[in-house]
Structures are given as C-alpha cells and as structure tokens.
PDB file of N, CA and C in Angstrom:
ATOM      1  N   MET A   1      56.135 -72.495-130.981  1.00  0.00           N
ATOM      2  CA  MET A   1      55.457 -73.477-130.164  1.00  0.00           C
ATOM      3  C   MET A   1      55.181 -72.930-128.766  1.00  0.00           C
ATOM      4  N   ALA A   2      56.085 -72.110-128.229  1.00  0.00           N
ATOM      5  CA  ALA A   2      55.889 -71.560-126.884  1.00  0.00           C
ATOM      6  C   ALA A   2      54.610 -70.734-126.809  1.00  0.00           C
ATOM      7  N   ASP A   3      54.313 -69.965-127.863  1.00  0.00           N
ATOM      8  CA  ASP A   3      53.078 -69.182-127.871  1.00  0.00           C
ATOM      9  C   ASP A   3      51.863 -70.085-127.849  1.00  0.00           C
ATOM     10  N   ASP A   4      51.921 -71.201-128.608  1.00  0.00           N
ATOM     11  CA  ASP A   4      50.805 -72.140-128.617  1.00  0.00           C
ATOM     12  C   ASP A   4      50.579 -72.716-127.231  1.00  0.00           C
ATOM     13  N   ILE A   5      51.661 -73.075-126.550  1.00  0.00           N
ATOM     14  CA  ILE A   5      51.527 -73.633-125.206  1.00  0.00           C
ATOM     15  C   ILE A   5      50.944 -72.583-124.279  1.00  0.00           C
ATOM     16  N   SER A   6      51.361 -71.326-124.388  1.00  0.00           N
ATOM     17  CA  SER A   6      50.816 -70.281-123.534  1.00  0.00           C
ATOM     18  C   SER A   6      49.318 -70.114-123.767  1.00  0.00           C
ATOM     19  N   THR A   7      48.903 -70.107-125.022  1.00  0.00           N
ATOM     20  CA  THR A   7      47.484 -69.991-125.329  1.00  0.00           C
ATOM     21  C   THR A   7      46.744 -71.229-124.837  1.00  0.00           C
ATOM     22  N   GLU A   8      47.301 -72.396-125.110  1.00  0.00           N
ATOM     23  CA  GLU A   8      46.677 -73.635-124.644  1.00  0.00           C
ATOM     24  C   GLU A   8      46.665 -73.703-123.121  1.00  0.00           C
ATOM     25  N   LEU A   9      47.728 -73.232-122.491  1.00  0.00           N
ATOM     26  CA  LEU A   9      47.794 -73.219-121.035  1.00  0.00           C
ATOM     27  C   LEU A   9      46.707 -72.330-120.467  1.00  0.00           C
ATOM     28  N   TYR A  10      46.556 -71.161-121.031  1.00  0.00           N
ATOM     29  CA  TYR A  10      45.513 -70.228-120.592  1.00  0.00           C
ATOM     30  C   TYR A  10      44.136 -70.875-120.722  1.00  0.00           C
ATOM     31  N   GLU A  11      43.882 -71.494-121.864  1.00  0.00           N
ATOM     32  CA  GLU A  11      42.582 -72.136-122.091  1.00  0.00           C
ATOM     33  C   GLU A  11      42.371 -73.314-121.146  1.00  0.00           C
ATOM     34  N   ALA A  12      43.409 -74.117-120.934  1.00  0.00           N
ATOM     35  CA  ALA A  12      43.296 -75.279-120.049  1.00  0.00           C
ATOM     36  C   ALA A  12      43.038 -74.848-118.608  1.00  0.00           C
ATOM     37  N   LEU A  13      43.749 -73.824-118.151  1.00  0.00           N
ATOM     38  CA  LEU A  13      43.544 -73.359-116.777  1.00  0.00           C
ATOM     39  C   LEU A  13      42.140 -72.793-116.594  1.00  0.00           C
ATOM     40  N   ASN A  14      41.659 -72.045-117.559  1.00  0.00           N
ATOM     41  CA  ASN A  14      40.311 -71.495-117.433  1.00  0.00           C
ATOM     42  C   ASN A  14      39.247 -72.581-117.530  1.00  0.00           C
ATOM     43  N   ARG A  15      39.550 -73.653-118.219  1.00  0.00           N
ATOM     44  CA  ARG A  15      38.616 -74.772-118.303  1.00  0.00           C
ATOM     45  C   ARG A  15      38.631 -75.574-116.997  1.00  0.00           C
ATOM     46  N   ASP A  16      39.820 -75.787-116.442  1.00  0.00           N
ATOM     47  CA  ASP A  16      39.968 -76.657-115.270  1.00  0.00           C
ATOM     48  C   ASP A  16      39.860 -75.924-113.944  1.00  0.00           C
ATOM     49  N   TRP A  17      40.075 -74.618-113.950  1.00  0.00           N
ATOM     50  CA  TRP A  17      40.005 -73.842-112.715  1.00  0.00           C
ATOM     51  C   TRP A  17      38.592 -73.286-112.585  1.00  0.00           C
ATOM     52  N   PRO A  18      37.788 -73.782-111.645  1.00  0.00           N
ATOM     53  CA  PRO A  18      36.355 -73.460-111.606  1.00  0.00           C
ATOM     54  C   PRO A  18      36.015 -72.100-111.001  1.00  0.00           C
ATOM     55  N   LEU A  19      37.006 -71.333-110.648  1.00  0.00           N
ATOM     56  CA  LEU A  19      36.748 -70.042-110.027  1.00  0.00           C
ATOM     57  C   LEU A  19      36.781 -68.942-111.074  1.00  0.00           C
ATOM     58  N   ALA A  20      36.953 -67.717-110.654  1.00  0.00           N
ATOM     59  CA  ALA A  20      36.939 -66.568-111.570  1.00  0.00           C
ATOM     60  C   ALA A  20      37.904 -66.804-112.727  1.00  0.00           C
ATOM     61  N   PRO A  21      37.521 -66.391-113.931  1.00  0.00           N
ATOM     62  CA  PRO A  21      38.397 -66.573-115.089  1.00  0.00           C
ATOM     63  C   PRO A  21      39.747 -65.893-114.875  1.00  0.00           C
ATOM     64  N   LEU A  22      40.785 -66.557-115.330  1.00  0.00           N
ATOM     65  CA  LEU A  22      42.133 -66.022-115.237  1.00  0.00           C
ATOM     66  C   LEU A  22      42.430 -65.261-116.519  1.00  0.00           C
ATOM     67  N   ARG A  23      43.186 -64.166-116.402  1.00  0.00           N
ATOM     68  CA  ARG A  23      43.494 -63.343-117.577  1.00  0.00           C
ATOM     69  C   ARG A  23      44.745 -63.858-118.266  1.00  0.00           C
ATOM     70  N   ASN A  24      44.851 -63.575-119.555  1.00  0.00           N
ATOM     71  CA  ASN A  24      45.977 -64.037-120.362  1.00  0.00           C
ATOM     72  C   ASN A  24      46.936 -62.893-120.684  1.00  0.00           C
ATOM     73  N   ASP A  25      47.277 -62.067-119.711  1.00  0.00           N
ATOM     74  CA  ASP A  25      48.216 -60.970-119.944  1.00  0.00           C
ATOM     75  C   ASP A  25      49.615 -61.512-120.212  1.00  0.00           C
ATOM     76  N   SER A  26      50.055 -62.414-119.360  1.00  0.00           N
ATOM     77  CA  SER A  26      51.347 -63.070-119.496  1.00  0.00           C
ATOM     78  C   SER A  26      51.309 -64.305-118.611  1.00  0.00           C
ATOM     79  N   GLU A  27      52.273 -65.194-118.818  1.00  0.00           N
ATOM     80  CA  GLU A  27      52.296 -66.391-117.980  1.00  0.00           C
ATOM     81  C   GLU A  27      52.542 -66.008-116.518  1.00  0.00           C
ATOM     82  N   GLU A  28      53.331 -64.976-116.295  1.00  0.00           N
ATOM     83  CA  GLU A  28      53.593 -64.517-114.924  1.00  0.00           C
ATOM     84  C   GLU A  28      52.317 -63.971-114.277  1.00  0.00           C
ATOM     85  N   ALA A  29      51.541 -63.177-115.024  1.00  0.00           N
ATOM     86  CA  ALA A  29      50.281 -62.646-114.489  1.00  0.00           C
ATOM     87  C   ALA A  29      49.286 -63.768-114.246  1.00  0.00           C
ATOM     88  N   LEU A  30      49.275 -64.739-115.137  1.00  0.00           N
ATOM     89  CA  LEU A  30      48.414 -65.906-114.978  1.00  0.00           C
ATOM     90  C   LEU A  30      48.801 -66.659-113.709  1.00  0.00           C
ATOM     91  N   PHE A  31      50.094 -66.845-113.503  1.00  0.00           N
ATOM     92  CA  PHE A  31      50.599 -67.505-112.303  1.00  0.00           C
ATOM     93  C   PHE A  31      50.197 -66.740-111.042  1.00  0.00           C
ATOM     94  N   ASP A  32      50.390 -65.426-111.049  1.00  0.00           N
ATOM     95  CA  ASP A  32      50.058 -64.612-109.873  1.00  0.00           C
ATOM     96  C   ASP A  32      48.569 -64.676-109.542  1.00  0.00           C
ATOM     97  N   ALA A  33      47.715 -64.603-110.561  1.00  0.00           N
ATOM     98  CA  ALA A  33      46.274 -64.677-110.332  1.00  0.00           C
ATOM     99  C   ALA A  33      45.874 -66.042-109.793  1.00  0.00           C
ATOM    100  N   LEU A  34      46.482 -67.085-110.329  1.00  0.00           N
ATOM    101  CA  LEU A  34      46.204 -68.437-109.863  1.00  0.00           C
ATOM    102  C   LEU A  34      46.652 -68.597-108.407  1.00  0.00           C
ATOM    103  N   ALA A  35      47.851 -68.114-108.080  1.00  0.00           N
ATOM    104  CA  ALA A  35      48.353 -68.207-106.710  1.00  0.00           C
ATOM    105  C   ALA A  35      47.449 -67.451-105.742  1.00  0.00           C
ATOM    106  N   GLN A  36      46.973 -66.300-106.142  1.00  0.00           N
ATOM    107  CA  GLN A  36      46.077 -65.515-105.283  1.00  0.00           C
ATOM    108  C   GLN A  36      44.765 -66.275-105.044  1.00  0.00           C
ATOM    109  N   SER A  37      44.239 -66.871-106.087  1.00  0.00           N
ATOM    110  CA  SER A  37      43.009 -67.646-105.971  1.00  0.00           C
ATOM    111  C   SER A  37      43.219 -68.869-105.079  1.00  0.00           C
ATOM    112  N   ILE A  38      44.361 -69.522-105.219  1.00  0.00           N
ATOM    113  CA  ILE A  38      44.694 -70.676-104.381  1.00  0.00           C
ATOM    114  C   ILE A  38      44.814 -70.249-102.932  1.00  0.00           C
ATOM    115  N   ASN A  39      45.455 -69.124-102.693  1.00  0.00           N
ATOM    116  CA  ASN A  39      45.604 -68.621-101.325  1.00  0.00           C
ATOM    117  C   ASN A  39      44.239 -68.385-100.685  1.00  0.00           C
ATOM    118  N   ASP A  40      43.307 -67.846-101.454  1.00  0.00           N
ATOM    119  CA  ASP A  40      41.955 -67.627-100.949  1.00  0.00           C
ATOM    120  C   ASP A  40      41.308 -68.957-100.553  1.00  0.00           C
ATOM    121  N   LEU A  41      41.504 -69.983-101.384  1.00  0.00           N
ATOM    122  CA  LEU A  41      40.958 -71.301-101.056  1.00  0.00           C
ATOM    123  C   LEU A  41      41.631 -71.906 -99.828  1.00  0.00           C
ATOM    124  N   ILE A  42      42.933 -71.716 -99.695  1.00  0.00           N
ATOM    125  CA  ILE A  42      43.640 -72.229 -98.514  1.00  0.00           C
ATOM    126  C   ILE A  42      43.018 -71.639 -97.248  1.00  0.00           C
ATOM    127  N   LEU A  43      42.717 -70.354 -97.311  1.00  0.00           N
ATOM    128  CA  LEU A  43      42.178 -69.669 -96.130  1.00  0.00           C
ATOM    129  C   LEU A  43      40.702 -69.953 -95.880  1.00  0.00           C
ATOM    130  N   HIS A  44      39.919 -70.144 -96.954  1.00  0.00           N
ATOM    131  CA  HIS A  44      38.468 -70.176 -96.778  1.00  0.00           C
ATOM    132  C   HIS A  44      37.776 -71.472 -97.193  1.00  0.00           C
ATOM    133  N   ASP A  45      38.394 -72.287 -98.034  1.00  0.00           N
ATOM    134  CA  ASP A  45      37.726 -73.510 -98.485  1.00  0.00           C
ATOM    135  C   ASP A  45      38.771 -74.544 -98.920  1.00  0.00           C
ATOM    136  N   PHE A  46      39.535 -75.021 -97.954  1.00  0.00           N
ATOM    137  CA  PHE A  46      40.638 -75.939 -98.237  1.00  0.00           C
ATOM    138  C   PHE A  46      40.136 -77.232 -98.887  1.00  0.00           C
ATOM    139  N   HIS A  47      38.988 -77.717 -98.448  1.00  0.00           N
ATOM    140  CA  HIS A  47      38.434 -78.949 -99.017  1.00  0.00           C
ATOM    141  C   HIS A  47      38.183 -78.787-100.522  1.00  0.00           C
ATOM    142  N   ARG A  48      37.662 -77.644-100.922  1.00  0.00           N
ATOM    143  CA  ARG A  48      37.415 -77.393-102.344  1.00  0.00           C
ATOM    144  C   ARG A  48      38.736 -77.360-103.122  1.00  0.00           C
ATOM    145  N   LEU A  49      39.756 -76.753-102.543  1.00  0.00           N
ATOM    146  CA  LEU A  49      41.071 -76.726-103.188  1.00  0.00           C
ATOM    147  C   LEU A  49      41.563 -78.150-103.434  1.00  0.00           C
ATOM    148  N   MET A  50      41.452 -78.997-102.417  1.00  0.00           N
ATOM    149  CA  MET A  50      41.924 -80.372-102.570  1.00  0.00           C
ATOM    150  C   MET A  50      41.118 -81.105-103.646  1.00  0.00           C
ATOM    151  N   SER A  51      39.835 -80.832-103.715  1.00  0.00           N
ATOM    152  CA  SER A  51      38.987 -81.441-104.735  1.00  0.00           C
ATOM    153  C   SER A  51      39.405 -80.994-106.140  1.00  0.00           C
ATOM    154  N   ILE A  52      39.703 -79.720-106.289  1.00  0.00           N
ATOM    155  CA  ILE A  52      40.142 -79.185-107.582  1.00  0.00           C
ATOM    156  C   ILE A  52      41.480 -79.804-107.982  1.00  0.00           C
ATOM    157  N   LEU A  53      42.407 -79.898-107.037  1.00  0.00           N
ATOM    158  CA  LEU A  53      43.715 -80.484-107.328  1.00  0.00           C
ATOM    159  C   LEU A  53      43.569 -81.937-107.764  1.00  0.00           C
ATOM    160  N   TYR A  54      42.662 -82.649-107.124  1.00  0.00           N
ATOM    161  CA  TYR A  54      42.404 -84.042-107.506  1.00  0.00           C
ATOM    162  C   TYR A  54      41.858 -84.100-108.936  1.00  0.00           C
ATOM    163  N   ARG A  55      40.914 -83.221-109.250  1.00  0.00           N
ATOM    164  CA  ARG A  55      40.300 -83.219-110.583  1.00  0.00           C
ATOM    165  C   ARG A  55      41.317 -82.845-111.667  1.00  0.00           C
ATOM    166  N   ILE A  56      42.197 -81.898-111.359  1.00  0.00           N
ATOM    167  CA  ILE A  56      43.226 -81.491-112.318  1.00  0.00           C
ATOM    168  C   ILE A  56      44.302 -82.576-112.439  1.00  0.00           C
ATOM    169  N   ASP A  57      44.377 -83.445-111.444  1.00  0.00           N
ATOM    170  CA  ASP A  57      45.323 -84.560-111.405  1.00  0.00           C
ATOM    171  C   ASP A  57      46.724 -84.126-110.971  1.00  0.00           C
ATOM    172  N   VAL A  58      46.758 -83.248-109.958  1.00  0.00           N
ATOM    173  CA  VAL A  58      48.028 -82.880-109.337  1.00  0.00           C
ATOM    174  C   VAL A  58      48.341 -83.969-108.317  1.00  0.00           C
ATOM    175  N   SER A  59      49.507 -84.538-108.401  1.00  0.00           N
ATOM    176  CA  SER A  59      49.900 -85.632-107.526  1.00  0.00           C
ATOM    177  C   SER A  59      49.967 -85.178-106.065  1.00  0.00           C
ATOM    178  N   GLU A  60      49.208 -85.862-105.213  1.00  0.00           N
ATOM    179  CA  GLU A  60      49.230 -85.541-103.784  1.00  0.00           C
ATOM    180  C   GLU A  60      50.613 -85.800-103.196  1.00  0.00           C
ATOM    181  N   GLN A  61      51.254 -86.862-103.649  1.00  0.00           N
ATOM    182  CA  GLN A  61      52.596 -87.185-103.167  1.00  0.00           C
ATOM    183  C   GLN A  61      53.587 -86.081-103.561  1.00  0.00           C
ATOM    184  N   LYS A  62      53.496 -85.618-104.795  1.00  0.00           N
ATOM    185  CA  LYS A  62      54.387 -84.550-105.249  1.00  0.00           C
ATOM    186  C   LYS A  62      54.097 -83.259-104.492  1.00  0.00           C
ATOM    187  N   LEU A  63      52.813 -82.985-104.238  1.00  0.00           N
ATOM    188  CA  LEU A  63      52.428 -81.804-103.479  1.00  0.00           C
ATOM    189  C   LEU A  63      53.039 -81.838-102.082  1.00  0.00           C
ATOM    190  N   ARG A  64      52.884 -82.950-101.396  1.00  0.00           N
ATOM    191  CA  ARG A  64      53.456 -83.083-100.044  1.00  0.00           C
ATOM    192  C   ARG A  64      54.970 -82.913-100.066  1.00  0.00           C
ATOM    193  N   HIS A  65      55.594 -83.539-101.065  1.00  0.00           N
ATOM    194  CA  HIS A  65      57.051 -83.445-101.182  1.00  0.00           C
ATOM    195  C   HIS A  65      57.498 -81.992-101.384  1.00  0.00           C
ATOM    196  N   MET A  66      56.838 -81.299-102.322  1.00  0.00           N
ATOM    197  CA  MET A  66      57.226 -79.919-102.619  1.00  0.00           C
ATOM    198  C   MET A  66      56.980 -78.994-101.428  1.00  0.00           C
ATOM    199  N   LEU A  67      55.861 -79.171-100.750  1.00  0.00           N
ATOM    200  CA  LEU A  67      55.579 -78.332 -99.581  1.00  0.00           C
ATOM    201  C   LEU A  67      56.592 -78.587 -98.473  1.00  0.00           C
ATOM    202  N   GLY A  68      56.988 -79.841 -98.286  1.00  0.00           N
ATOM    203  CA  GLY A  68      57.982 -80.171 -97.270  1.00  0.00           C
ATOM    204  C   GLY A  68      59.373 -79.681 -97.631  1.00  0.00           C
ATOM    205  N   GLU A  69      59.693 -79.732 -98.899  1.00  0.00           N
ATOM    206  CA  GLU A  69      61.020 -79.335 -99.375  1.00  0.00           C
ATOM    207  C   GLU A  69      61.211 -77.815 -99.392  1.00  0.00           C
ATOM    208  N   HIS A  70      60.124 -77.069 -99.553  1.00  0.00           N
ATOM    209  CA  HIS A  70      60.197 -75.614 -99.686  1.00  0.00           C
ATOM    210  C   HIS A  70      59.378 -74.926 -98.598  1.00  0.00           C
ATOM    211  N   LYS A  71      59.714 -75.195 -97.361  1.00  0.00           N
ATOM    212  CA  LYS A  71      58.928 -74.698 -96.227  1.00  0.00           C
ATOM    213  C   LYS A  71      58.856 -73.179 -96.141  1.00  0.00           C
ATOM    214  N   GLY A  72      59.838 -72.455 -96.607  1.00  0.00           N
ATOM    215  CA  GLY A  72      59.835 -71.002 -96.501  1.00  0.00           C
ATOM    216  C   GLY A  72      59.095 -70.278 -97.612  1.00  0.00           C
ATOM    217  N   ILE A  73      58.588 -71.034 -98.579  1.00  0.00           N
ATOM    218  CA  ILE A  73      57.930 -70.433 -99.737  1.00  0.00           C
ATOM    219  C   ILE A  73      56.420 -70.520 -99.550  1.00  0.00           C
ATOM    220  N   ASP A  74      55.711 -69.504-100.020  1.00  0.00           N
ATOM    221  CA  ASP A  74      54.261 -69.453 -99.945  1.00  0.00           C
ATOM    222  C   ASP A  74      53.656 -70.703-100.590  1.00  0.00           C
ATOM    223  N   ALA A  75      52.843 -71.436 -99.837  1.00  0.00           N
ATOM    224  CA  ALA A  75      52.245 -72.683-100.325  1.00  0.00           C
ATOM    225  C   ALA A  75      51.410 -72.456-101.585  1.00  0.00           C
ATOM    226  N   ALA A  76      50.720 -71.327-101.669  1.00  0.00           N
ATOM    227  CA  ALA A  76      49.890 -71.049-102.843  1.00  0.00           C
ATOM    228  C   ALA A  76      50.748 -70.966-104.105  1.00  0.00           C
ATOM    229  N   ARG A  77      51.937 -70.417-103.998  1.00  0.00           N
ATOM    230  CA  ARG A  77      52.825 -70.314-105.159  1.00  0.00           C
ATOM    231  C   ARG A  77      53.343 -71.691-105.575  1.00  0.00           C
ATOM    232  N   ILE A  78      53.624 -72.534-104.599  1.00  0.00           N
ATOM    233  CA  ILE A  78      54.069 -73.900-104.900  1.00  0.00           C
ATOM    234  C   ILE A  78      52.944 -74.657-105.607  1.00  0.00           C
ATOM    235  N   ILE A  79      51.746 -74.543-105.089  1.00  0.00           N
ATOM    236  CA  ILE A  79      50.594 -75.224-105.685  1.00  0.00           C
ATOM    237  C   ILE A  79      50.330 -74.691-107.094  1.00  0.00           C
ATOM    238  N   ALA A  80      50.443 -73.386-107.277  1.00  0.00           N
ATOM    239  CA  ALA A  80      50.258 -72.801-108.607  1.00  0.00           C
ATOM    240  C   ALA A  80      51.270 -73.376-109.595  1.00  0.00           C
ATOM    241  N   HIS A  81      52.519 -73.501-109.159  1.00  0.00           N
ATOM    242  CA  HIS A  81      53.541 -74.111-110.029  1.00  0.00           C
ATOM    243  C   HIS A  81      53.162 -75.540-110.387  1.00  0.00           C
ATOM    244  N   LEU A  82      52.699 -76.302-109.406  1.00  0.00           N
ATOM    245  CA  LEU A  82      52.331 -77.693-109.666  1.00  0.00           C
ATOM    246  C   LEU A  82      51.158 -77.780-110.650  1.00  0.00           C
ATOM    247  N   ILE A  83      50.179 -76.902-110.494  1.00  0.00           N
ATOM    248  CA  ILE A  83      49.031 -76.894-111.407  1.00  0.00           C
ATOM    249  C   ILE A  83      49.481 -76.544-112.819  1.00  0.00           C
ATOM    250  N   ILE A  84      50.280 -75.500-112.955  1.00  0.00           N
ATOM    251  CA  ILE A  84      50.749 -75.086-114.280  1.00  0.00           C
ATOM    252  C   ILE A  84      51.614 -76.173-114.908  1.00  0.00           C
ATOM    253  N   ASP A  85      52.499 -76.775-114.117  1.00  0.00           N
ATOM    254  CA  ASP A  85      53.327 -77.866-114.645  1.00  0.00           C
ATOM    255  C   ASP A  85      52.470 -79.034-115.121  1.00  0.00           C
ATOM    256  N   ARG A  86      51.437 -79.374-114.361  1.00  0.00           N
ATOM    257  CA  ARG A  86      50.565 -80.491-114.745  1.00  0.00           C
ATOM    258  C   ARG A  86      49.793 -80.159-116.024  1.00  0.00           C
ATOM    259  N   GLU A  87      49.286 -78.935-116.113  1.00  0.00           N
ATOM    260  CA  GLU A  87      48.567 -78.538-117.327  1.00  0.00           C
ATOM    261  C   GLU A  87      49.491 -78.564-118.542  1.00  0.00           C
ATOM    262  N   LYS A  88      50.729 -78.099-118.391  1.00  0.00           N
ATOM    263  CA  LYS A  88      51.686 -78.133-119.500  1.00  0.00           C
ATOM    264  C   LYS A  88      51.981 -79.569-119.904  1.00  0.00           C
ATOM    265  N   GLN A  89      52.094 -80.449-118.909  1.00  0.00           N
ATOM    266  CA  GLN A  89      52.346 -81.856-119.193  1.00  0.00           C
ATOM    267  C   GLN A  89      51.188 -82.458-120.000  1.00  0.00           C
ATOM    268  N   LYS A  90      49.952 -82.129-119.631  1.00  0.00           N
ATOM    269  CA  LYS A  90      48.791 -82.632-120.371  1.00  0.00           C
ATOM    270  C   LYS A  90      48.778 -82.084-121.802  1.00  0.00           C
ATOM    271  N   ILE A  91      49.158 -80.824-121.966  1.00  0.00           N
ATOM    272  CA  ILE A  91      49.215 -80.216-123.305  1.00  0.00           C
ATOM    273  C   ILE A  91      50.244 -80.936-124.167  1.00  0.00           C
ATOM    274  N   ARG A  92      51.437 -81.165-123.607  1.00  0.00           N
ATOM    275  CA  ARG A  92      52.489 -81.865-124.365  1.00  0.00           C
ATOM    276  C   ARG A  92      52.044 -83.271-124.753  1.00  0.00           C
ATOM    277  N   THR A  93      51.390 -83.960-123.838  1.00  0.00           N
ATOM    278  CA  THR A  93      50.916 -85.317-124.124  1.00  0.00           C
ATOM    279  C   THR A  93      49.897 -85.305-125.251  1.00  0.00           C
ATOM    280  N   ARG A  94      48.955 -84.353-125.206  1.00  0.00           N
ATOM    281  CA  ARG A  94      47.959 -84.250-126.292  1.00  0.00           C
ATOM    282  C   ARG A  94      48.643 -83.962-127.625  1.00  0.00           C
ATOM    283  N   GLN A  95      49.642 -83.074-127.617  1.00  0.00           N
ATOM    284  CA  GLN A  95      50.338 -82.748-128.860  1.00  0.00           C
ATOM    285  C   GLN A  95      51.087 -83.970-129.401  1.00  0.00           C
ATOM    286  N   GLU A  96      51.715 -84.734-128.515  1.00  0.00           N
ATOM    287  CA  GLU A  96      52.424 -85.938-128.946  1.00  0.00           C
ATOM    288  C   GLU A  96      51.455 -86.954-129.543  1.00  0.00           C
ATOM    289  N   TRP A  97      50.316 -87.134-128.907  1.00  0.00           N
ATOM    290  CA  TRP A  97      49.314 -88.069-129.432  1.00  0.00           C
ATOM    291  C   TRP A  97      48.782 -87.585-130.777  1.00  0.00           C
ATOM    292  N   ASP A  98      48.565 -86.294-130.917  1.00  0.00           N
ATOM    293  CA  ASP A  98      48.099 -85.747-132.190  1.00  0.00           C
ATOM    294  C   ASP A  98      49.120 -86.008-133.290  1.00  0.00           C
ATOM    295  N   GLU A  99      50.400 -85.794-132.980  1.00  0.00           N
ATOM    296  CA  GLU A  99      51.457 -86.031-133.961  1.00  0.00           C
ATOM    297  C   GLU A  99      51.522 -87.505-134.340  1.00  0.00           C
ATOM    298  N   GLN A 100      51.424 -88.384-133.355  1.00  0.00           N
ATOM    299  CA  GLN A 100      51.490 -89.821-133.630  1.00  0.00           C
ATOM    300  C   GLN A 100      50.296 -90.280-134.452  1.00  0.00           C
ATOM    301  N   SER A 101      49.133 -89.717-134.169  1.00  0.00           N
ATOM    302  CA  SER A 101      47.930 -90.166-134.878  1.00  0.00           C
ATOM    303  C   SER A 101      47.891 -89.674-136.324  1.00  0.00           C
ATOM    304  N   LYS A 102      48.678 -88.659-136.675  1.00  0.00           N
ATOM    305  CA  LYS A 102      48.704 -88.169-138.057  1.00  0.00           C
ATOM    306  C   LYS A 102      49.246 -89.221-139.013  1.00  0.00           C
ATOM    307  N   GLY A 103      50.123 -90.092-138.520  1.00  0.00           N
ATOM    308  CA  GLY A 103      50.716 -91.119-139.369  1.00  0.00           C
ATOM    309  C   GLY A 103      49.880 -92.383-139.470  1.00  0.00           C
ATOM    310  N   ILE A 104      48.768 -92.460-138.750  1.00  0.00           N
ATOM    311  CA  ILE A 104      47.927 -93.654-138.754  1.00  0.00           C
ATOM    312  C   ILE A 104      46.767 -93.433-139.724  1.00  0.00           C
ATOM    313  N   PRO A 105      46.581 -94.327-140.676  1.00  0.00           N
ATOM    314  CA  PRO A 105      45.435 -94.191-141.599  1.00  0.00           C
ATOM    315  C   PRO A 105      44.118 -94.185-140.822  1.00  0.00           C
ATOM    316  N   ASP A 106      43.138 -93.438-141.318  1.00  0.00           N
ATOM    317  CA  ASP A 106      41.850 -93.288-140.625  1.00  0.00           C
ATOM    318  C   ASP A 106      41.176 -94.626-140.347  1.00  0.00           C
ATOM    319  N   ASP A 107      41.304 -95.580-141.263  1.00  0.00           N
ATOM    320  CA  ASP A 107      40.636 -96.865-141.057  1.00  0.00           C
ATOM    321  C   ASP A 107      41.320 -97.714-139.962  1.00  0.00           C
ATOM    322  N   GLU A 108      42.517 -97.318-139.525  1.00  0.00           N
ATOM    323  CA  GLU A 108      43.200 -98.034-138.455  1.00  0.00           C
ATOM    324  C   GLU A 108      43.076 -97.343-137.108  1.00  0.00           C
ATOM    325  N   LYS A 109      42.489 -96.148-137.091  1.00  0.00           N
ATOM    326  CA  LYS A 109      42.291 -95.445-135.818  1.00  0.00           C
ATOM    327  C   LYS A 109      41.101 -96.053-135.099  1.00  0.00           C
ATOM    328  N   TRP A 110      41.012 -95.847-133.835  1.00  0.00           N
ATOM    329  CA  TRP A 110      39.969 -96.442-133.016  1.00  0.00           C
ATOM    330  C   TRP A 110      38.675 -96.052-133.524  1.00  0.00           C
TER     331      TRP A 110
END
C-alpha cells in the first residue's frame, strides 16, 4: 500500500502543483523539489503561493500554527510537509470511499 500512496502522491502533487513537474525519484526528493519551488514562490510570488495553498486546501490556521511553533525551521519545508500531508489525507479519504462503495449495489449508488 505504501508504494501505491507514493505513486498516488506523486500524481496528486503534479496535478495540484501548477509549477514545474516534480520528479518521482523518492518521497524525499519529491519533498526537496517541492520545498525548493515553495521557497521560490515565497521570495518572488507569495500571493500565488497562498492561492495554491488555498486550492490544495491546506488549512491556513494549521499553517500559521506550524510556522509559529517551528520558528527556526525553513518555512518552505514546513509548507511542503503540510502540502504532502494534505495530499496523503485526500488519497486516504478517496481509498476509504472506494472501499465503502464496493459494498453498495450499483442501483443504490448516486
């Protein structure tokens, strides 16, 4: 299942991240590339970063909390963690819904 999540995570990030495609070498490399891209947005187009975070559905409250709690850590790395965590959460939710819908007869589905 972990491999499926990694593949799904890679696909979800490339679908939701509107900048240069991220490579699927490893989750760590994916994280590093995402953090670098976020850092570029922090420096050059902060408004676009906030728009992307809103579209991906990263909680602004959680973002503020994490940035305040981890003041000595690079903000881009914190944001990258939040994005990856949110994408994983969406993947798990889709998988749970898929599993639940398998037990429902087709004529009872929406």
